[in-house]
Every structure is written in structure tokens, then in C-alpha cells.
N, C-alpha and C. Protein backbone atom coordinates (compact mmCIF):
# COMPACT_ATOMS: atom_id res chain seq x y z
N MET A 1 112.25 39.86 215.79
CA MET A 1 113.08 40.13 214.63
C MET A 1 113.25 41.64 214.52
N ARG A 2 114.44 42.03 214.05
CA ARG A 2 114.71 43.45 213.90
C ARG A 2 115.77 43.66 212.84
N LYS A 3 115.92 44.92 212.44
CA LYS A 3 116.99 45.28 211.52
C LYS A 3 118.31 45.22 212.28
N ALA A 4 119.32 44.67 211.65
CA ALA A 4 120.64 44.56 212.28
C ALA A 4 121.31 45.92 212.37
N ASP A 5 122.22 46.05 213.33
CA ASP A 5 123.02 47.27 213.43
C ASP A 5 124.49 46.87 213.64
N ALA A 6 125.37 47.86 213.65
CA ALA A 6 126.81 47.60 213.71
C ALA A 6 127.19 46.78 214.95
N GLY A 7 126.44 46.92 216.03
CA GLY A 7 126.73 46.16 217.23
C GLY A 7 126.49 44.66 217.09
N ASP A 8 125.82 44.26 216.02
CA ASP A 8 125.53 42.84 215.78
C ASP A 8 126.61 42.13 214.98
N ALA A 9 127.60 42.86 214.47
CA ALA A 9 128.55 42.30 213.52
C ALA A 9 129.23 41.03 214.02
N ASN A 10 129.73 41.03 215.25
CA ASN A 10 130.43 39.84 215.75
C ASN A 10 129.51 38.64 215.89
N ARG A 11 128.28 38.87 216.35
CA ARG A 11 127.34 37.75 216.52
C ARG A 11 126.87 37.23 215.17
N VAL A 12 126.64 38.13 214.21
CA VAL A 12 126.27 37.71 212.85
C VAL A 12 127.41 36.89 212.25
N ALA A 13 128.64 37.38 212.41
CA ALA A 13 129.80 36.65 211.89
C ALA A 13 129.91 35.26 212.51
N GLN A 14 129.64 35.14 213.79
CA GLN A 14 129.73 33.84 214.46
C GLN A 14 128.69 32.86 213.92
N ILE A 15 127.46 33.33 213.72
CA ILE A 15 126.42 32.48 213.13
C ILE A 15 126.85 32.05 211.73
N HIS A 16 127.40 33.00 210.97
CA HIS A 16 127.83 32.72 209.60
C HIS A 16 128.93 31.65 209.58
N ILE A 17 129.93 31.81 210.42
CA ILE A 17 131.04 30.86 210.49
C ILE A 17 130.56 29.47 210.90
N CYS A 18 129.72 29.41 211.92
CA CYS A 18 129.19 28.11 212.36
C CYS A 18 128.40 27.45 211.24
N GLY A 19 127.62 28.24 210.51
CA GLY A 19 126.87 27.72 209.38
C GLY A 19 127.78 27.19 208.29
N TRP A 20 128.82 27.94 207.98
CA TRP A 20 129.79 27.48 206.99
C TRP A 20 130.45 26.19 207.42
N ARG A 21 130.89 26.13 208.66
CA ARG A 21 131.58 24.92 209.13
C ARG A 21 130.66 23.71 209.11
N ASP A 22 129.41 23.94 209.43
CA ASP A 22 128.43 22.85 209.45
C ASP A 22 128.07 22.39 208.04
N ALA A 23 127.70 23.34 207.18
CA ALA A 23 127.18 22.99 205.85
C ALA A 23 128.26 22.87 204.79
N TYR A 24 129.36 23.58 204.95
CA TYR A 24 130.36 23.66 203.88
C TYR A 24 131.71 23.09 204.28
N GLY A 25 131.76 22.32 205.35
CA GLY A 25 133.03 21.77 205.80
C GLY A 25 133.75 20.95 204.75
N ASN A 26 133.00 20.31 203.86
CA ASN A 26 133.61 19.51 202.80
C ASN A 26 133.73 20.29 201.49
N ILE A 27 133.31 21.56 201.49
CA ILE A 27 133.34 22.37 200.27
C ILE A 27 134.42 23.44 200.34
N LEU A 28 134.39 24.24 201.40
CA LEU A 28 135.36 25.32 201.53
C LEU A 28 136.72 24.79 201.96
N ASP A 29 137.74 25.52 201.60
CA ASP A 29 139.10 25.14 201.96
C ASP A 29 139.23 24.99 203.47
N PRO A 30 139.65 23.81 203.97
CA PRO A 30 139.72 23.58 205.41
C PRO A 30 140.64 24.55 206.15
N GLU A 31 141.76 24.92 205.53
CA GLU A 31 142.67 25.86 206.19
C GLU A 31 142.00 27.23 206.36
N PHE A 32 141.26 27.66 205.34
CA PHE A 32 140.53 28.92 205.44
C PHE A 32 139.51 28.85 206.57
N LEU A 33 138.72 27.78 206.60
CA LEU A 33 137.69 27.64 207.64
C LEU A 33 138.30 27.63 209.04
N GLU A 34 139.43 26.96 209.18
CA GLU A 34 140.04 26.82 210.50
C GLU A 34 140.79 28.07 210.95
N ASN A 35 141.48 28.72 210.02
CA ASN A 35 142.41 29.78 210.43
C ASN A 35 142.03 31.20 210.05
N PHE A 36 141.21 31.37 209.03
CA PHE A 36 140.99 32.73 208.52
C PHE A 36 139.54 33.16 208.45
N ALA A 37 138.61 32.23 208.45
CA ALA A 37 137.20 32.56 208.20
C ALA A 37 136.63 33.50 209.26
N GLU A 38 136.96 33.28 210.52
CA GLU A 38 136.37 34.11 211.58
C GLU A 38 136.75 35.57 211.41
N GLY A 39 138.01 35.87 211.21
CA GLY A 39 138.43 37.25 211.02
C GLY A 39 137.86 37.85 209.75
N GLU A 40 137.85 37.06 208.68
CA GLU A 40 137.32 37.54 207.41
C GLU A 40 135.85 37.88 207.53
N ARG A 41 135.06 37.00 208.15
CA ARG A 41 133.62 37.24 208.29
C ARG A 41 133.35 38.39 209.27
N ARG A 42 134.13 38.50 210.32
CA ARG A 42 133.97 39.62 211.26
C ARG A 42 134.19 40.95 210.54
N ASN A 43 135.27 41.04 209.77
CA ASN A 43 135.54 42.26 209.00
C ASN A 43 134.45 42.53 207.98
N HIS A 44 134.00 41.47 207.31
CA HIS A 44 132.95 41.62 206.30
C HIS A 44 131.68 42.19 206.91
N TRP A 45 131.20 41.59 208.00
CA TRP A 45 129.93 42.04 208.58
C TRP A 45 130.07 43.38 209.28
N GLN A 46 131.24 43.67 209.83
CA GLN A 46 131.45 45.01 210.41
C GLN A 46 131.30 46.06 209.31
N SER A 47 131.88 45.80 208.16
CA SER A 47 131.77 46.72 207.02
C SER A 47 130.33 46.82 206.53
N GLU A 48 129.68 45.68 206.34
CA GLU A 48 128.30 45.67 205.84
C GLU A 48 127.34 46.40 206.78
N LEU A 49 127.56 46.27 208.07
CA LEU A 49 126.63 46.85 209.05
C LEU A 49 126.99 48.28 209.46
N THR A 50 128.14 48.76 209.03
CA THR A 50 128.54 50.12 209.37
C THR A 50 128.09 51.12 208.31
N VAL A 51 128.13 50.72 207.05
CA VAL A 51 127.77 51.61 205.95
C VAL A 51 126.30 51.41 205.60
N ALA A 52 125.50 52.46 205.78
CA ALA A 52 124.07 52.38 205.46
C ALA A 52 123.89 52.40 203.94
N ARG A 53 123.07 51.48 203.45
CA ARG A 53 122.77 51.41 202.02
C ARG A 53 121.26 51.30 201.85
N LYS A 54 120.69 52.13 201.00
CA LYS A 54 119.24 52.08 200.81
C LYS A 54 118.81 50.85 200.01
N ASP A 55 119.75 50.25 199.27
CA ASP A 55 119.42 49.09 198.45
C ASP A 55 119.77 47.76 199.12
N GLN A 56 120.06 47.80 200.41
CA GLN A 56 120.43 46.58 201.14
C GLN A 56 119.85 46.63 202.54
N THR A 57 119.46 45.46 203.03
CA THR A 57 119.04 45.37 204.43
C THR A 57 119.51 44.05 205.01
N ILE A 58 119.67 44.05 206.31
CA ILE A 58 120.05 42.85 207.05
C ILE A 58 119.12 42.77 208.25
N PHE A 59 118.41 41.65 208.36
CA PHE A 59 117.53 41.41 209.51
C PHE A 59 118.14 40.31 210.36
N VAL A 60 117.94 40.43 211.67
CA VAL A 60 118.39 39.39 212.60
C VAL A 60 117.20 38.90 213.41
N MET A 61 117.23 37.62 213.74
CA MET A 61 116.26 37.05 214.67
C MET A 61 116.89 37.19 216.04
N ASP A 62 116.24 37.97 216.89
CA ASP A 62 116.78 38.30 218.20
C ASP A 62 115.83 37.75 219.26
N ASN A 63 116.28 36.71 219.96
CA ASN A 63 115.51 36.12 221.06
C ASN A 63 116.06 36.63 222.37
N GLN A 64 115.52 37.73 222.84
CA GLN A 64 115.93 38.33 224.12
C GLN A 64 117.44 38.51 224.21
N GLY A 65 118.01 39.07 223.15
CA GLY A 65 119.44 39.36 223.13
C GLY A 65 120.30 38.29 222.51
N GLU A 66 119.74 37.12 222.26
CA GLU A 66 120.50 36.05 221.60
C GLU A 66 120.11 36.00 220.13
N LEU A 67 121.07 36.25 219.25
CA LEU A 67 120.80 36.18 217.82
C LEU A 67 120.82 34.72 217.39
N THR A 68 119.76 34.32 216.67
CA THR A 68 119.67 32.93 216.23
C THR A 68 119.65 32.79 214.71
N GLY A 69 119.71 33.90 213.99
CA GLY A 69 119.75 33.85 212.54
C GLY A 69 119.80 35.23 211.95
N PHE A 70 120.15 35.28 210.65
CA PHE A 70 120.16 36.56 209.94
C PHE A 70 119.96 36.34 208.46
N ILE A 71 119.55 37.41 207.78
CA ILE A 71 119.39 37.40 206.33
C ILE A 71 119.87 38.74 205.80
N CYS A 72 120.61 38.70 204.70
CA CYS A 72 121.10 39.90 204.03
C CYS A 72 120.52 39.92 202.62
N VAL A 73 119.88 41.04 202.27
CA VAL A 73 119.18 41.17 200.99
C VAL A 73 119.70 42.39 200.25
N LYS A 74 119.99 42.23 198.95
CA LYS A 74 120.48 43.33 198.11
C LYS A 74 119.53 43.52 196.93
N LEU A 75 118.86 44.67 196.91
CA LEU A 75 117.91 44.99 195.84
C LEU A 75 118.61 45.14 194.49
N LYS A 76 117.93 44.68 193.45
CA LYS A 76 118.37 44.90 192.07
C LYS A 76 119.86 44.60 191.86
N GLU A 77 120.32 43.56 192.46
CA GLU A 77 121.73 43.18 192.36
C GLU A 77 122.09 42.70 190.96
N ASP A 78 121.11 42.14 190.26
CA ASP A 78 121.35 41.59 188.93
C ASP A 78 120.24 42.07 187.99
N ALA A 79 120.62 42.52 186.80
CA ALA A 79 119.65 43.08 185.85
C ALA A 79 118.60 42.05 185.43
N VAL A 80 118.97 40.80 185.37
CA VAL A 80 118.03 39.75 184.95
C VAL A 80 117.35 39.10 186.15
N TRP A 81 118.13 38.73 187.16
CA TRP A 81 117.62 37.91 188.26
C TRP A 81 117.09 38.73 189.43
N GLY A 82 117.36 40.04 189.45
CA GLY A 82 116.73 40.91 190.44
C GLY A 82 117.44 40.99 191.77
N THR A 83 116.65 40.82 192.82
CA THR A 83 117.12 41.00 194.20
C THR A 83 117.82 39.74 194.68
N TYR A 84 118.95 39.95 195.33
CA TYR A 84 119.83 38.86 195.75
C TYR A 84 119.73 38.63 197.25
N ILE A 85 119.41 37.41 197.63
CA ILE A 85 119.53 37.01 199.03
C ILE A 85 120.98 36.56 199.20
N ASP A 86 121.77 37.46 199.74
CA ASP A 86 123.22 37.25 199.84
C ASP A 86 123.57 36.24 200.92
N SER A 87 122.83 36.24 201.99
CA SER A 87 123.11 35.30 203.09
C SER A 87 121.84 35.01 203.85
N LEU A 88 121.65 33.77 204.19
CA LEU A 88 120.61 33.34 205.13
C LEU A 88 121.23 32.23 205.96
N HIS A 89 121.43 32.53 207.24
CA HIS A 89 122.04 31.54 208.13
C HIS A 89 121.27 31.51 209.44
N VAL A 90 121.07 30.31 209.95
CA VAL A 90 120.35 30.09 211.21
C VAL A 90 121.26 29.25 212.11
N SER A 91 121.33 29.62 213.38
CA SER A 91 122.17 28.86 214.31
C SER A 91 121.64 27.43 214.43
N ALA A 92 122.54 26.51 214.72
CA ALA A 92 122.17 25.09 214.82
C ALA A 92 121.06 24.88 215.84
N THR A 93 121.06 25.63 216.93
CA THR A 93 120.05 25.45 217.98
C THR A 93 118.67 25.94 217.55
N ALA A 94 118.60 26.78 216.52
CA ALA A 94 117.31 27.32 216.08
C ALA A 94 116.79 26.66 214.81
N ARG A 95 117.55 25.77 214.22
CA ARG A 95 117.09 25.12 212.98
C ARG A 95 115.85 24.28 213.24
N GLY A 96 114.95 24.28 212.27
CA GLY A 96 113.73 23.50 212.38
C GLY A 96 112.66 24.15 213.23
N GLN A 97 112.88 25.39 213.65
CA GLN A 97 111.92 26.09 214.51
C GLN A 97 111.24 27.26 213.80
N GLY A 98 111.42 27.36 212.48
CA GLY A 98 110.76 28.42 211.72
C GLY A 98 111.56 29.70 211.57
N THR A 99 112.78 29.72 212.06
CA THR A 99 113.60 30.93 211.99
C THR A 99 113.92 31.30 210.54
N GLY A 100 114.35 30.34 209.75
CA GLY A 100 114.67 30.61 208.35
C GLY A 100 113.46 31.12 207.58
N LYS A 101 112.31 30.50 207.80
CA LYS A 101 111.08 30.95 207.14
C LYS A 101 110.71 32.36 207.57
N ALA A 102 110.83 32.64 208.86
CA ALA A 102 110.49 33.99 209.36
C ALA A 102 111.42 35.04 208.75
N LEU A 103 112.69 34.73 208.64
CA LEU A 103 113.64 35.66 208.04
C LEU A 103 113.33 35.87 206.56
N LEU A 104 113.03 34.79 205.84
CA LEU A 104 112.66 34.92 204.43
C LEU A 104 111.38 35.74 204.26
N GLN A 105 110.42 35.53 205.15
CA GLN A 105 109.18 36.29 205.07
C GLN A 105 109.44 37.78 205.27
N LYS A 106 110.23 38.12 206.26
CA LYS A 106 110.56 39.53 206.52
C LYS A 106 111.27 40.13 205.31
N ALA A 107 112.20 39.38 204.74
CA ALA A 107 112.93 39.86 203.56
C ALA A 107 111.99 40.05 202.38
N ALA A 108 111.10 39.10 202.14
CA ALA A 108 110.15 39.21 201.02
C ALA A 108 109.22 40.40 201.21
N GLN A 109 108.80 40.65 202.44
CA GLN A 109 107.96 41.82 202.71
C GLN A 109 108.73 43.11 202.43
N TRP A 110 109.99 43.16 202.82
CA TRP A 110 110.82 44.33 202.56
C TRP A 110 110.98 44.55 201.06
N ILE A 111 111.22 43.46 200.33
CA ILE A 111 111.37 43.55 198.87
C ILE A 111 110.06 44.06 198.25
N MET A 112 108.93 43.56 198.73
CA MET A 112 107.62 44.01 198.23
C MET A 112 107.48 45.52 198.38
N GLU A 113 107.90 46.06 199.52
CA GLU A 113 107.80 47.50 199.76
C GLU A 113 108.71 48.30 198.83
N LYS A 114 109.86 47.75 198.51
CA LYS A 114 110.86 48.47 197.72
C LYS A 114 110.69 48.29 196.22
N ASP A 115 110.36 47.06 195.81
CA ASP A 115 110.28 46.74 194.38
C ASP A 115 109.45 45.46 194.21
N ALA A 116 108.13 45.62 194.21
CA ALA A 116 107.21 44.48 194.22
C ALA A 116 107.35 43.56 193.01
N ASP A 117 107.90 44.05 191.92
CA ASP A 117 108.03 43.23 190.71
C ASP A 117 109.37 42.52 190.60
N SER A 118 110.24 42.75 191.56
CA SER A 118 111.58 42.19 191.46
C SER A 118 111.59 40.68 191.65
N PRO A 119 112.23 39.96 190.71
CA PRO A 119 112.49 38.55 191.00
C PRO A 119 113.50 38.47 192.15
N ILE A 120 113.62 37.30 192.72
CA ILE A 120 114.52 37.07 193.85
C ILE A 120 115.37 35.84 193.53
N TYR A 121 116.63 35.90 193.92
CA TYR A 121 117.49 34.73 193.70
C TYR A 121 118.52 34.62 194.81
N LEU A 122 119.12 33.45 194.87
CA LEU A 122 120.25 33.19 195.77
C LEU A 122 121.10 32.10 195.15
N TRP A 123 122.29 31.94 195.68
CA TRP A 123 123.17 30.85 195.27
C TRP A 123 123.34 29.91 196.45
N VAL A 124 123.40 28.63 196.16
CA VAL A 124 123.63 27.62 197.18
C VAL A 124 124.55 26.55 196.58
N PHE A 125 125.46 26.06 197.39
CA PHE A 125 126.34 24.99 196.90
C PHE A 125 125.51 23.74 196.61
N GLU A 126 125.85 23.09 195.52
CA GLU A 126 125.13 21.89 195.08
C GLU A 126 125.14 20.79 196.14
N ASP A 127 126.17 20.72 196.95
CA ASP A 127 126.26 19.70 197.99
C ASP A 127 125.44 20.02 199.24
N ASN A 128 124.84 21.20 199.30
CA ASN A 128 124.05 21.60 200.47
C ASN A 128 122.59 21.18 200.26
N SER A 129 122.37 19.88 200.29
CA SER A 129 121.05 19.32 199.98
C SER A 129 119.97 19.79 200.95
N ARG A 130 120.32 20.00 202.21
CA ARG A 130 119.34 20.47 203.19
C ARG A 130 118.78 21.84 202.79
N ALA A 131 119.67 22.76 202.41
CA ALA A 131 119.23 24.10 202.01
C ALA A 131 118.45 24.06 200.70
N ILE A 132 118.91 23.26 199.75
CA ILE A 132 118.22 23.16 198.47
C ILE A 132 116.79 22.66 198.68
N ALA A 133 116.63 21.63 199.48
CA ALA A 133 115.28 21.09 199.76
C ALA A 133 114.41 22.15 200.43
N PHE A 134 114.97 22.92 201.36
CA PHE A 134 114.24 23.99 202.05
C PHE A 134 113.74 25.02 201.04
N TYR A 135 114.61 25.49 200.16
CA TYR A 135 114.21 26.50 199.18
C TYR A 135 113.20 25.95 198.18
N GLN A 136 113.36 24.71 197.78
CA GLN A 136 112.40 24.12 196.85
C GLN A 136 111.03 23.94 197.50
N ARG A 137 110.99 23.59 198.78
CA ARG A 137 109.70 23.49 199.48
C ARG A 137 108.99 24.84 199.51
N LEU A 138 109.78 25.91 199.42
CA LEU A 138 109.22 27.26 199.45
C LEU A 138 109.07 27.85 198.04
N GLY A 139 109.01 26.98 197.04
CA GLY A 139 108.71 27.42 195.69
C GLY A 139 109.89 27.91 194.88
N GLY A 140 111.09 27.80 195.41
CA GLY A 140 112.27 28.21 194.65
C GLY A 140 112.56 27.22 193.54
N ASP A 141 112.92 27.73 192.38
CA ASP A 141 113.26 26.89 191.23
C ASP A 141 114.76 26.95 190.97
N ILE A 142 115.36 25.79 190.72
CA ILE A 142 116.76 25.77 190.30
C ILE A 142 116.77 26.22 188.85
N VAL A 143 117.47 27.33 188.58
CA VAL A 143 117.45 27.90 187.24
C VAL A 143 118.83 27.90 186.58
N GLU A 144 119.86 27.58 187.34
CA GLU A 144 121.20 27.62 186.76
C GLU A 144 122.18 26.86 187.65
N GLN A 145 123.14 26.21 186.99
CA GLN A 145 124.26 25.61 187.70
C GLN A 145 125.52 26.32 187.21
N ALA A 146 126.41 26.63 188.14
CA ALA A 146 127.65 27.32 187.78
C ALA A 146 128.76 26.88 188.73
N THR A 147 129.95 27.27 188.40
CA THR A 147 131.09 27.06 189.28
C THR A 147 131.17 28.25 190.22
N SER A 148 131.28 27.98 191.50
CA SER A 148 131.34 29.05 192.49
C SER A 148 132.56 29.93 192.28
N GLU A 149 132.33 31.23 192.36
CA GLU A 149 133.42 32.20 192.31
C GLU A 149 133.80 32.68 193.71
N MET A 150 133.15 32.12 194.70
CA MET A 150 133.42 32.50 196.08
C MET A 150 134.85 32.10 196.44
N PRO A 151 135.62 33.04 197.03
CA PRO A 151 136.98 32.67 197.42
C PRO A 151 136.96 31.46 198.37
N PHE A 152 137.93 30.64 198.23
CA PHE A 152 138.13 29.46 199.09
C PHE A 152 137.09 28.36 198.87
N SER A 153 136.28 28.47 197.81
CA SER A 153 135.29 27.42 197.54
C SER A 153 135.85 26.33 196.64
N ARG A 154 137.05 26.52 196.16
CA ARG A 154 137.73 25.53 195.32
C ARG A 154 136.92 25.16 194.08
N GLY A 155 136.17 26.15 193.54
CA GLY A 155 135.41 25.92 192.31
C GLY A 155 134.25 24.95 192.45
N ALA A 156 133.70 24.85 193.63
CA ALA A 156 132.59 23.92 193.87
C ALA A 156 131.37 24.30 193.03
N PRO A 157 130.59 23.32 192.59
CA PRO A 157 129.38 23.62 191.83
C PRO A 157 128.33 24.29 192.73
N ALA A 158 127.69 25.30 192.17
CA ALA A 158 126.66 26.04 192.89
C ALA A 158 125.41 26.15 192.03
N LEU A 159 124.28 26.29 192.68
CA LEU A 159 122.99 26.40 191.99
C LEU A 159 122.37 27.75 192.28
N ARG A 160 121.82 28.36 191.22
CA ARG A 160 121.03 29.57 191.41
C ARG A 160 119.58 29.12 191.61
N ILE A 161 118.99 29.54 192.70
CA ILE A 161 117.59 29.25 192.99
C ILE A 161 116.85 30.58 192.92
N ALA A 162 115.69 30.58 192.25
CA ALA A 162 115.00 31.85 192.00
C ALA A 162 113.49 31.74 192.23
N TRP A 163 112.92 32.89 192.54
CA TRP A 163 111.48 33.08 192.63
C TRP A 163 111.12 34.22 191.69
N LYS A 164 109.97 34.14 191.01
CA LYS A 164 109.60 35.16 190.04
C LYS A 164 109.30 36.51 190.67
N SER A 165 108.90 36.50 191.95
CA SER A 165 108.54 37.75 192.62
C SER A 165 108.48 37.51 194.12
N PRO A 166 108.50 38.60 194.91
CA PRO A 166 108.32 38.42 196.35
C PRO A 166 106.95 37.83 196.69
N ASP A 167 105.95 38.14 195.85
CA ASP A 167 104.62 37.55 196.04
C ASP A 167 104.68 36.03 196.03
N ARG A 168 105.42 35.49 195.07
CA ARG A 168 105.53 34.02 194.95
C ARG A 168 106.16 33.41 196.20
N LEU A 169 107.20 34.06 196.68
CA LEU A 169 107.86 33.56 197.89
C LEU A 169 106.93 33.67 199.08
N LEU A 170 106.24 34.80 199.22
CA LEU A 170 105.31 34.97 200.35
C LEU A 170 104.18 33.95 200.29
N GLU A 171 103.63 33.69 199.10
CA GLU A 171 102.57 32.69 198.95
C GLU A 171 103.06 31.32 199.42
N ALA A 172 104.25 30.94 198.99
CA ALA A 172 104.81 29.64 199.38
C ALA A 172 105.04 29.57 200.89
N LEU A 173 105.48 30.67 201.48
CA LEU A 173 105.69 30.71 202.92
C LEU A 173 104.38 30.56 203.67
N TYR A 174 103.34 31.25 203.21
CA TYR A 174 102.03 31.14 203.86
C TYR A 174 101.46 29.72 203.71
N GLU A 175 101.63 29.13 202.52
CA GLU A 175 101.14 27.76 202.30
C GLU A 175 101.88 26.76 203.19
N SER A 176 103.17 26.98 203.38
CA SER A 176 103.94 26.04 204.20
C SER A 176 103.58 26.14 205.67
N ALA A 177 103.00 27.27 206.07
CA ALA A 177 102.62 27.46 207.47
C ALA A 177 101.27 26.84 207.79
N SER A 178 100.48 26.57 206.75
CA SER A 178 99.13 26.03 207.00
C SER A 178 99.09 24.52 206.92
């Protein structure tokens, strides 16, 4: 695992798109997924990985040059909910092998170093039962339901999942490993 750099943008975008098509095929606008998502995600990650920000980090799981997952974390994104896990995506071939947990652990450790008291949250579509179950197994609590403001989501219901601190997330990760 390592910190992502600008050279990773296309591979990160590809993992992101594959994840969207797999998990959100019935949620996101099909025309967007088919015709526009790849370019949009490529531009997005090129921008995110080109501009250095002290309040954001992106880690990638790198298996001898093959990226199998990534996580993007934004410190103090919300005054109430704290640090935002903006994206966590794992390639289909790496699912169930601990990649998501390893990425979350690295992110939680980074958050601990930067702001140990920060709560952590993320948004997940209500129809993404696999992801919701994963986060709940790791101690995440569903704290809010809202309508997604994500473009092309067609107002799908989304859930905010939160942890009170990086310590809580790390404890749950360690417990799940034993």
C-alpha cells in the first residue's frame, strides 16, 4: 500500500468506474455510466491527484504495479460529522481478500495522526447492501438517511454511516481480524 500520485489517476478512475457499474448499475443513470462516467472519473482523479492538499489523502493498494483498490479521505470535511471517506473502491478480483479493510486501516491511522478526535463518516447508497453490511461489521452506525445529491444518481436514497473516532474504527478492524 502506498500514497497515490498523479500517475495513478487512470487506474484509480478505472477501479472507480468498475465499482460504480457493479454496485450502482441500477442506481446511477445508465446513459451516464455507459457514455460519460469514464471521462468524468478520469478528469476527477487527475485533478484530485495533481493538486496537493494537506487535508486530504488518497491511498492505493498496489500489488506489484497492479492497483486493486483505493481510498480517498478528507479531514474535517463536515463541522459535525468530521472526516469524510469520500471513496473506497476495491477491484472485483480483490474483493473478499482484506483489501477494503487494509485501506480503511491505513486511512484510520492517517486520521489518528492528523486529528485523533475526529469522527469519521461516509455516504453509501441504500441499495448497496454489500457495502452497508461491510461497514456495519466494522462498527459503523447508520446515523442518517438522505436523498443523494450526487449527479446522475437520480435522487437515490443514501445512508450516512459514521464512527465516533478513528480509534473506534481501528478497534473494529483489529477485532474483525482476530
